Amino acid sequence: MTGADLATDRLVLRTWSSAELAAVVADTRLADWAEDFPADGDGVIAGFLADHPEGLHAYGHRLVVERGSGLVVGSIGLFWPPAEGVLEVGYGVVPSRRGRGYASEATRAVVEFALSSPDVHAVYATVELSNPASVRVLEKAGLRRCDGDATTARFRAAVGG
């Protein structure tokens, strides 16, 4: 994989365009969006990226696009730069496309890409235990639970397993 678009069997993960950021921030719909995109989290990310365009790079935030339909169905991102070689990943898929394995497929691709950087030796995500679907996404993406408490779990993937 390169720093450009990341492709999986069913998805393309690409950086946001300035037009897409502006549309989300302005609450305007684009034709190539799933009917329920953007979700709340996508709006937060778009607002952040509009104010901090330095987050639009190969190791930053991306849109999740269905290859079959060409529709944007979510977003995923790495919170760059790494802190002591460790990055956080976050993701979201719109309700109409959940249950298809897209979040795990996208997370697996982004984590593999991140771990290919010489500056990164681990990627993690923290999830609420009250969201078992998100826990399963991380497990299916190959991350392993490494920490947590009564309400949250931290999952991690590292270079060399």
N, C-alpha and C. Protein backbone atom coordinates (compact mmCIF):
# COMPACT_ATOMS: atom_id res chain seq x y z
N MET A 1 0.85 -1.18 0.00
CA MET A 1 0.00 0.00 0.00
C MET A 1 0.89 1.24 0.00
N THR A 2 0.37 2.29 -0.57
CA THR A 2 1.13 3.53 -0.64
C THR A 2 0.43 4.60 0.19
N GLY A 3 0.99 5.79 0.17
CA GLY A 3 0.40 6.91 0.89
C GLY A 3 -0.82 7.48 0.20
N ALA A 4 -1.10 7.02 -1.02
CA ALA A 4 -2.29 7.49 -1.72
C ALA A 4 -3.50 6.73 -1.18
N ASP A 5 -4.45 6.45 -2.03
CA ASP A 5 -5.62 5.68 -1.60
C ASP A 5 -5.19 4.30 -1.14
N LEU A 6 -5.86 3.81 -0.11
CA LEU A 6 -5.68 2.43 0.32
C LEU A 6 -6.88 1.65 -0.20
N ALA A 7 -6.64 0.52 -0.80
CA ALA A 7 -7.72 -0.28 -1.36
C ALA A 7 -7.77 -1.63 -0.65
N THR A 8 -8.98 -2.08 -0.35
CA THR A 8 -9.22 -3.41 0.18
C THR A 8 -10.11 -4.12 -0.83
N ASP A 9 -10.54 -5.32 -0.52
CA ASP A 9 -11.41 -6.04 -1.44
C ASP A 9 -12.68 -5.26 -1.78
N ARG A 10 -13.26 -4.60 -0.77
CA ARG A 10 -14.56 -3.95 -0.97
C ARG A 10 -14.56 -2.44 -0.79
N LEU A 11 -13.42 -1.88 -0.36
CA LEU A 11 -13.39 -0.47 0.02
C LEU A 11 -12.22 0.27 -0.61
N VAL A 12 -12.37 1.58 -0.72
CA VAL A 12 -11.27 2.49 -1.00
C VAL A 12 -11.25 3.47 0.16
N LEU A 13 -10.08 3.67 0.73
CA LEU A 13 -9.90 4.61 1.83
C LEU A 13 -9.09 5.77 1.27
N ARG A 14 -9.72 6.93 1.16
CA ARG A 14 -9.04 8.07 0.54
C ARG A 14 -9.15 9.31 1.41
N THR A 15 -8.22 10.23 1.21
CA THR A 15 -8.24 11.45 2.00
C THR A 15 -9.46 12.30 1.60
N TRP A 16 -9.88 13.12 2.54
CA TRP A 16 -10.99 14.03 2.31
C TRP A 16 -10.55 15.11 1.33
N SER A 17 -11.46 15.54 0.48
CA SER A 17 -11.20 16.70 -0.36
C SER A 17 -11.66 17.95 0.39
N SER A 18 -11.17 19.10 -0.03
CA SER A 18 -11.61 20.34 0.62
C SER A 18 -13.10 20.57 0.39
N ALA A 19 -13.61 20.16 -0.78
CA ALA A 19 -15.05 20.30 -1.07
C ALA A 19 -15.89 19.43 -0.13
N GLU A 20 -15.41 18.22 0.16
CA GLU A 20 -16.15 17.33 1.08
C GLU A 20 -16.15 17.89 2.49
N LEU A 21 -15.01 18.40 2.94
CA LEU A 21 -14.95 19.01 4.27
C LEU A 21 -15.93 20.18 4.35
N ALA A 22 -15.90 21.05 3.35
CA ALA A 22 -16.78 22.21 3.35
C ALA A 22 -18.25 21.80 3.34
N ALA A 23 -18.59 20.77 2.58
CA ALA A 23 -19.98 20.30 2.52
C ALA A 23 -20.45 19.77 3.87
N VAL A 24 -19.61 18.99 4.54
CA VAL A 24 -20.00 18.46 5.86
C VAL A 24 -20.17 19.60 6.84
N VAL A 25 -19.21 20.51 6.87
CA VAL A 25 -19.27 21.63 7.81
C VAL A 25 -20.52 22.49 7.54
N ALA A 26 -20.87 22.68 6.27
CA ALA A 26 -22.03 23.50 5.89
C ALA A 26 -23.34 22.73 5.92
N ASP A 27 -23.28 21.43 6.27
CA ASP A 27 -24.47 20.58 6.30
C ASP A 27 -25.14 20.50 4.91
N THR A 28 -24.30 20.35 3.88
CA THR A 28 -24.74 20.21 2.50
C THR A 28 -24.50 18.78 2.06
N ARG A 29 -25.39 18.22 1.27
CA ARG A 29 -25.25 16.83 0.81
C ARG A 29 -24.54 16.78 -0.53
N LEU A 30 -23.70 15.76 -0.70
CA LEU A 30 -23.07 15.49 -1.98
C LEU A 30 -23.64 14.20 -2.55
N ALA A 31 -23.64 14.09 -3.87
CA ALA A 31 -24.28 12.98 -4.55
C ALA A 31 -23.63 11.63 -4.28
N ASP A 32 -22.33 11.62 -3.96
CA ASP A 32 -21.64 10.33 -3.77
C ASP A 32 -21.57 9.91 -2.31
N TRP A 33 -22.49 10.37 -1.50
CA TRP A 33 -22.56 9.99 -0.10
C TRP A 33 -23.73 9.01 0.11
N ALA A 34 -23.52 8.02 0.97
CA ALA A 34 -24.64 7.19 1.40
C ALA A 34 -25.69 8.10 2.02
N GLU A 35 -26.94 7.66 1.99
CA GLU A 35 -28.03 8.51 2.46
C GLU A 35 -27.89 8.96 3.91
N ASP A 36 -27.15 8.23 4.73
CA ASP A 36 -26.99 8.61 6.13
C ASP A 36 -25.58 9.08 6.47
N PHE A 37 -24.80 9.43 5.45
CA PHE A 37 -23.50 10.06 5.68
C PHE A 37 -23.70 11.56 5.54
N PRO A 38 -23.10 12.36 6.38
CA PRO A 38 -22.17 12.04 7.46
C PRO A 38 -22.90 11.75 8.77
N ALA A 39 -22.28 10.90 9.57
CA ALA A 39 -22.75 10.66 10.94
C ALA A 39 -22.17 11.77 11.82
N ASP A 40 -22.60 11.82 13.08
CA ASP A 40 -22.13 12.88 13.98
C ASP A 40 -20.61 12.94 14.07
N GLY A 41 -19.97 11.78 14.21
CA GLY A 41 -18.51 11.75 14.33
C GLY A 41 -17.81 12.29 13.10
N ASP A 42 -18.40 12.06 11.92
CA ASP A 42 -17.82 12.59 10.69
C ASP A 42 -17.86 14.11 10.69
N GLY A 43 -18.93 14.67 11.24
CA GLY A 43 -19.02 16.13 11.34
C GLY A 43 -17.95 16.71 12.24
N VAL A 44 -17.69 16.02 13.33
CA VAL A 44 -16.63 16.47 14.25
C VAL A 44 -15.28 16.44 13.55
N ILE A 45 -14.99 15.34 12.87
CA ILE A 45 -13.71 15.20 12.16
C ILE A 45 -13.60 16.24 11.05
N ALA A 46 -14.66 16.45 10.27
CA ALA A 46 -14.61 17.44 9.19
C ALA A 46 -14.35 18.83 9.74
N GLY A 47 -14.99 19.18 10.85
CA GLY A 47 -14.75 20.49 11.47
C GLY A 47 -13.31 20.64 11.91
N PHE A 48 -12.78 19.59 12.51
CA PHE A 48 -11.38 19.62 12.96
C PHE A 48 -10.44 19.78 11.77
N LEU A 49 -10.67 18.98 10.71
CA LEU A 49 -9.79 19.03 9.54
C LEU A 49 -9.91 20.35 8.79
N ALA A 50 -11.09 20.94 8.78
CA ALA A 50 -11.26 22.24 8.13
C ALA A 50 -10.40 23.29 8.84
N ASP A 51 -10.31 23.18 10.16
CA ASP A 51 -9.50 24.11 10.94
C ASP A 51 -8.02 23.72 11.00
N HIS A 52 -7.72 22.44 10.76
CA HIS A 52 -6.35 21.91 10.85
C HIS A 52 -6.04 21.07 9.62
N PRO A 53 -5.90 21.70 8.46
CA PRO A 53 -5.69 20.94 7.22
C PRO A 53 -4.40 20.12 7.21
N GLU A 54 -3.53 20.35 8.16
CA GLU A 54 -2.32 19.52 8.25
C GLU A 54 -2.67 18.07 8.58
N GLY A 55 -3.90 17.81 8.99
CA GLY A 55 -4.37 16.45 9.24
C GLY A 55 -4.73 15.69 7.98
N LEU A 56 -4.67 16.38 6.83
CA LEU A 56 -4.99 15.75 5.55
C LEU A 56 -3.70 15.27 4.89
N HIS A 57 -3.27 14.11 5.28
CA HIS A 57 -2.04 13.52 4.73
C HIS A 57 -2.19 12.00 4.76
N ALA A 58 -1.19 11.31 4.26
CA ALA A 58 -1.27 9.85 4.12
C ALA A 58 -1.59 9.15 5.44
N TYR A 59 -1.07 9.66 6.55
CA TYR A 59 -1.30 9.02 7.84
C TYR A 59 -2.37 9.74 8.65
N GLY A 60 -3.23 10.47 7.98
CA GLY A 60 -4.29 11.21 8.66
C GLY A 60 -5.63 10.54 8.53
N HIS A 61 -6.65 11.36 8.29
CA HIS A 61 -8.03 10.88 8.22
C HIS A 61 -8.44 10.62 6.78
N ARG A 62 -9.28 9.60 6.62
CA ARG A 62 -9.73 9.17 5.30
C ARG A 62 -11.22 8.91 5.30
N LEU A 63 -11.79 8.97 4.13
CA LEU A 63 -13.17 8.55 3.94
C LEU A 63 -13.19 7.08 3.57
N VAL A 64 -14.24 6.39 3.96
CA VAL A 64 -14.45 4.99 3.62
C VAL A 64 -15.46 4.95 2.48
N VAL A 65 -15.02 4.44 1.34
CA VAL A 65 -15.85 4.43 0.13
C VAL A 65 -16.09 2.99 -0.30
N GLU A 66 -17.36 2.64 -0.52
CA GLU A 66 -17.72 1.32 -1.06
C GLU A 66 -17.25 1.24 -2.50
N ARG A 67 -16.47 0.24 -2.80
CA ARG A 67 -15.99 0.10 -4.19
C ARG A 67 -17.14 -0.18 -5.15
N GLY A 68 -18.09 -1.01 -4.74
CA GLY A 68 -19.18 -1.39 -5.62
C GLY A 68 -20.09 -0.24 -6.01
N SER A 69 -20.41 0.62 -5.06
CA SER A 69 -21.35 1.72 -5.32
C SER A 69 -20.66 3.06 -5.53
N GLY A 70 -19.44 3.20 -5.03
CA GLY A 70 -18.75 4.49 -5.09
C GLY A 70 -19.22 5.47 -4.03
N LEU A 71 -20.06 5.00 -3.10
CA LEU A 71 -20.60 5.89 -2.07
C LEU A 71 -19.70 5.96 -0.84
N VAL A 72 -19.60 7.16 -0.26
CA VAL A 72 -18.90 7.35 1.01
C VAL A 72 -19.81 6.81 2.11
N VAL A 73 -19.26 5.89 2.92
CA VAL A 73 -20.07 5.22 3.94
C VAL A 73 -19.50 5.38 5.35
N GLY A 74 -18.45 6.16 5.50
CA GLY A 74 -17.87 6.37 6.82
C GLY A 74 -16.54 7.07 6.72
N SER A 75 -15.85 7.09 7.86
CA SER A 75 -14.51 7.67 7.89
C SER A 75 -13.66 6.91 8.90
N ILE A 76 -12.36 7.05 8.70
CA ILE A 76 -11.40 6.37 9.57
C ILE A 76 -10.16 7.25 9.61
N GLY A 77 -9.50 7.23 10.74
CA GLY A 77 -8.32 8.08 10.81
C GLY A 77 -7.32 7.66 11.85
N LEU A 78 -6.09 8.07 11.57
CA LEU A 78 -4.99 7.92 12.50
C LEU A 78 -4.72 9.30 13.10
N PHE A 79 -4.49 9.35 14.38
CA PHE A 79 -4.24 10.62 15.05
C PHE A 79 -2.73 10.84 15.10
N TRP A 80 -2.24 11.45 14.02
CA TRP A 80 -0.82 11.69 13.79
C TRP A 80 -0.42 12.99 14.45
N PRO A 81 0.76 13.18 14.94
CA PRO A 81 1.92 12.30 14.86
C PRO A 81 1.91 11.27 15.98
N PRO A 82 2.71 10.24 15.81
CA PRO A 82 2.79 9.23 16.87
C PRO A 82 3.45 9.80 18.12
N ALA A 83 3.00 9.34 19.26
CA ALA A 83 3.61 9.68 20.54
C ALA A 83 4.48 8.49 20.93
N GLU A 84 5.79 8.69 20.91
CA GLU A 84 6.73 7.63 21.23
C GLU A 84 6.47 6.37 20.39
N GLY A 85 6.15 6.59 19.11
CA GLY A 85 5.95 5.47 18.19
C GLY A 85 4.57 4.84 18.22
N VAL A 86 3.62 5.44 18.94
CA VAL A 86 2.29 4.86 19.09
C VAL A 86 1.24 5.84 18.54
N LEU A 87 0.30 5.30 17.77
CA LEU A 87 -0.79 6.07 17.17
C LEU A 87 -2.14 5.53 17.63
N GLU A 88 -3.12 6.42 17.66
CA GLU A 88 -4.49 6.00 17.91
C GLU A 88 -5.25 5.96 16.59
N VAL A 89 -6.15 5.00 16.45
CA VAL A 89 -7.03 4.90 15.29
C VAL A 89 -8.47 5.07 15.76
N GLY A 90 -9.27 5.74 14.93
CA GLY A 90 -10.69 5.89 15.19
C GLY A 90 -11.45 5.66 13.90
N TYR A 91 -12.69 5.21 13.97
CA TYR A 91 -13.45 4.85 12.77
C TYR A 91 -14.93 4.97 13.02
N GLY A 92 -15.66 5.04 11.93
CA GLY A 92 -17.11 5.03 12.01
C GLY A 92 -17.69 4.68 10.65
N VAL A 93 -18.73 3.87 10.65
CA VAL A 93 -19.45 3.50 9.43
C VAL A 93 -20.92 3.85 9.69
N VAL A 94 -21.56 4.42 8.69
CA VAL A 94 -22.95 4.84 8.86
C VAL A 94 -23.86 3.64 9.13
N PRO A 95 -24.96 3.86 9.84
CA PRO A 95 -25.84 2.76 10.21
C PRO A 95 -26.31 1.90 9.04
N SER A 96 -26.55 2.49 7.89
CA SER A 96 -27.06 1.71 6.75
C SER A 96 -26.06 0.70 6.22
N ARG A 97 -24.78 0.84 6.60
CA ARG A 97 -23.75 -0.08 6.09
C ARG A 97 -23.10 -0.90 7.20
N ARG A 98 -23.61 -0.80 8.40
CA ARG A 98 -23.06 -1.59 9.50
C ARG A 98 -23.44 -3.05 9.34
N GLY A 99 -22.66 -3.92 9.97
CA GLY A 99 -22.92 -5.35 9.92
C GLY A 99 -22.37 -6.02 8.68
N ARG A 100 -21.62 -5.31 7.87
CA ARG A 100 -21.06 -5.86 6.64
C ARG A 100 -19.55 -6.11 6.75
N GLY A 101 -18.97 -5.77 7.90
CA GLY A 101 -17.53 -5.97 8.08
C GLY A 101 -16.68 -4.84 7.54
N TYR A 102 -17.30 -3.74 7.12
CA TYR A 102 -16.53 -2.63 6.55
C TYR A 102 -15.59 -2.00 7.58
N ALA A 103 -16.05 -1.80 8.79
CA ALA A 103 -15.20 -1.15 9.80
C ALA A 103 -13.96 -1.99 10.09
N SER A 104 -14.12 -3.30 10.21
CA SER A 104 -12.96 -4.17 10.45
C SER A 104 -12.02 -4.17 9.25
N GLU A 105 -12.57 -4.22 8.06
CA GLU A 105 -11.76 -4.23 6.84
C GLU A 105 -10.96 -2.94 6.71
N ALA A 106 -11.60 -1.82 6.96
CA ALA A 106 -10.92 -0.52 6.89
C ALA A 106 -9.88 -0.39 8.00
N THR A 107 -10.23 -0.80 9.20
CA THR A 107 -9.29 -0.70 10.33
C THR A 107 -8.06 -1.56 10.09
N ARG A 108 -8.26 -2.76 9.63
CA ARG A 108 -7.13 -3.66 9.34
C ARG A 108 -6.18 -2.99 8.33
N ALA A 109 -6.72 -2.41 7.26
CA ALA A 109 -5.90 -1.78 6.22
C ALA A 109 -5.14 -0.56 6.76
N VAL A 110 -5.81 0.26 7.53
CA VAL A 110 -5.17 1.47 8.06
C VAL A 110 -4.11 1.11 9.09
N VAL A 111 -4.37 0.12 9.91
CA VAL A 111 -3.39 -0.31 10.91
C VAL A 111 -2.16 -0.89 10.22
N GLU A 112 -2.36 -1.74 9.22
CA GLU A 112 -1.22 -2.29 8.48
C GLU A 112 -0.40 -1.17 7.84
N PHE A 113 -1.09 -0.20 7.26
CA PHE A 113 -0.40 0.93 6.64
C PHE A 113 0.38 1.72 7.68
N ALA A 114 -0.22 2.01 8.82
CA ALA A 114 0.46 2.77 9.87
C ALA A 114 1.70 2.04 10.35
N LEU A 115 1.58 0.73 10.53
CA LEU A 115 2.71 -0.04 11.05
C LEU A 115 3.84 -0.17 10.02
N SER A 116 3.58 0.22 8.78
CA SER A 116 4.65 0.22 7.78
C SER A 116 5.53 1.46 7.87
N SER A 117 5.10 2.44 8.64
CA SER A 117 5.90 3.65 8.83
C SER A 117 7.03 3.37 9.82
N PRO A 118 8.24 3.84 9.53
CA PRO A 118 9.33 3.63 10.48
C PRO A 118 9.13 4.39 11.79
N ASP A 119 8.21 5.35 11.80
CA ASP A 119 7.94 6.14 13.01
C ASP A 119 6.91 5.50 13.93
N VAL A 120 6.32 4.38 13.50
CA VAL A 120 5.22 3.77 14.26
C VAL A 120 5.57 2.32 14.60
N HIS A 121 5.43 1.97 15.88
CA HIS A 121 5.62 0.57 16.27
C HIS A 121 4.35 -0.04 16.86
N ALA A 122 3.32 0.80 17.12
CA ALA A 122 2.06 0.26 17.64
C ALA A 122 0.91 1.21 17.31
N VAL A 123 -0.29 0.63 17.17
CA VAL A 123 -1.52 1.38 16.94
C VAL A 123 -2.53 0.87 17.96
N TYR A 124 -3.30 1.80 18.55
CA TYR A 124 -4.28 1.39 19.55
C TYR A 124 -5.62 2.06 19.31
N ALA A 125 -6.65 1.51 19.93
CA ALA A 125 -7.98 2.09 19.95
C ALA A 125 -8.58 1.81 21.32
N THR A 126 -9.34 2.75 21.81
CA THR A 126 -10.04 2.59 23.08
C THR A 126 -11.54 2.60 22.79
N VAL A 127 -12.26 1.62 23.31
CA VAL A 127 -13.71 1.51 23.06
C VAL A 127 -14.46 1.34 24.37
N GLU A 128 -15.70 1.75 24.33
CA GLU A 128 -16.61 1.54 25.46
C GLU A 128 -17.09 0.09 25.43
N LEU A 129 -17.04 -0.58 26.55
CA LEU A 129 -17.52 -1.96 26.61
C LEU A 129 -19.02 -2.05 26.36
N SER A 130 -19.73 -0.94 26.52
CA SER A 130 -21.16 -0.91 26.23
C SER A 130 -21.43 -0.93 24.72
N ASN A 131 -20.36 -0.92 23.91
CA ASN A 131 -20.48 -0.98 22.46
C ASN A 131 -19.79 -2.26 21.96
N PRO A 132 -20.45 -3.42 22.15
CA PRO A 132 -19.81 -4.68 21.78
C PRO A 132 -19.50 -4.80 20.29
N ALA A 133 -20.26 -4.10 19.44
CA ALA A 133 -19.97 -4.15 18.00
C ALA A 133 -18.61 -3.54 17.71
N SER A 134 -18.26 -2.47 18.39
CA SER A 134 -16.96 -1.84 18.18
C SER A 134 -15.83 -2.71 18.73
N VAL A 135 -16.09 -3.37 19.83
CA VAL A 135 -15.11 -4.33 20.37
C VAL A 135 -14.84 -5.41 19.33
N ARG A 136 -15.90 -5.93 18.73
CA ARG A 136 -15.76 -6.98 17.71
C ARG A 136 -15.03 -6.48 16.47
N VAL A 137 -15.26 -5.23 16.07
CA VAL A 137 -14.54 -4.64 14.94
C VAL A 137 -13.04 -4.74 15.16
N LEU A 138 -12.60 -4.35 16.35
CA LEU A 138 -11.17 -4.36 16.64
C LEU A 138 -10.61 -5.77 16.70
N GLU A 139 -11.37 -6.68 17.27
CA GLU A 139 -10.92 -8.08 17.31
C GLU A 139 -10.79 -8.64 15.89
N LYS A 140 -11.79 -8.39 15.05
CA LYS A 140 -11.75 -8.88 13.67
C LYS A 140 -10.65 -8.22 12.85
N ALA A 141 -10.28 -6.99 13.22
CA ALA A 141 -9.22 -6.28 12.52
C ALA A 141 -7.83 -6.75 12.96
N GLY A 142 -7.79 -7.61 13.97
CA GLY A 142 -6.51 -8.17 14.41
C GLY A 142 -5.87 -7.48 15.58
N LEU A 143 -6.55 -6.52 16.19
CA LEU A 143 -6.00 -5.88 17.39
C LEU A 143 -6.32 -6.77 18.59
N ARG A 144 -5.48 -6.69 19.60
CA ARG A 144 -5.67 -7.50 20.80
C ARG A 144 -5.90 -6.62 22.01
N ARG A 145 -6.79 -7.08 22.87
CA ARG A 145 -7.06 -6.31 24.09
C ARG A 145 -5.82 -6.32 24.97
N CYS A 146 -5.42 -5.12 25.41
CA CYS A 146 -4.20 -5.01 26.20
C CYS A 146 -4.42 -4.32 27.54
N ASP A 147 -5.56 -3.65 27.71
CA ASP A 147 -5.78 -2.89 28.94
C ASP A 147 -7.25 -2.52 29.00
N GLY A 148 -7.65 -1.95 30.10
CA GLY A 148 -9.02 -1.50 30.24
C GLY A 148 -9.44 -1.42 31.69
N ASP A 149 -10.70 -1.05 31.86
CA ASP A 149 -11.27 -0.98 33.19
C ASP A 149 -12.71 -1.48 33.11
N ALA A 150 -13.53 -1.09 34.04
CA ALA A 150 -14.90 -1.61 34.08
C ALA A 150 -15.76 -1.12 32.92
N THR A 151 -15.37 0.00 32.28
CA THR A 151 -16.22 0.57 31.23
C THR A 151 -15.55 0.65 29.85
N THR A 152 -14.23 0.56 29.81
CA THR A 152 -13.54 0.70 28.53
C THR A 152 -12.51 -0.42 28.33
N ALA A 153 -12.16 -0.62 27.07
CA ALA A 153 -11.12 -1.59 26.74
C ALA A 153 -10.18 -0.91 25.75
N ARG A 154 -8.91 -1.22 25.89
CA ARG A 154 -7.90 -0.71 24.96
C ARG A 154 -7.37 -1.88 24.16
N PHE A 155 -7.35 -1.72 22.85
CA PHE A 155 -6.87 -2.73 21.94
C PHE A 155 -5.63 -2.20 21.25
N ARG A 156 -4.75 -3.13 20.85
CA ARG A 156 -3.46 -2.73 20.31
C ARG A 156 -2.98 -3.71 19.24
N ALA A 157 -2.30 -3.15 18.25
CA ALA A 157 -1.58 -3.95 17.25
C ALA A 157 -0.17 -3.38 17.21
N ALA A 158 0.82 -4.27 17.07
CA ALA A 158 2.20 -3.81 17.09
C ALA A 158 3.01 -4.46 15.98
N VAL A 159 4.09 -3.81 15.62
CA VAL A 159 5.02 -4.38 14.65
C VAL A 159 5.48 -5.73 15.18
N GLY A 160 5.44 -6.72 14.34
CA GLY A 160 5.85 -8.05 14.75
C GLY A 160 4.84 -8.81 15.58
N GLY A 161 3.59 -8.29 15.63
CA GLY A 161 2.54 -9.00 16.34
C GLY A 161 2.36 -8.50 17.71
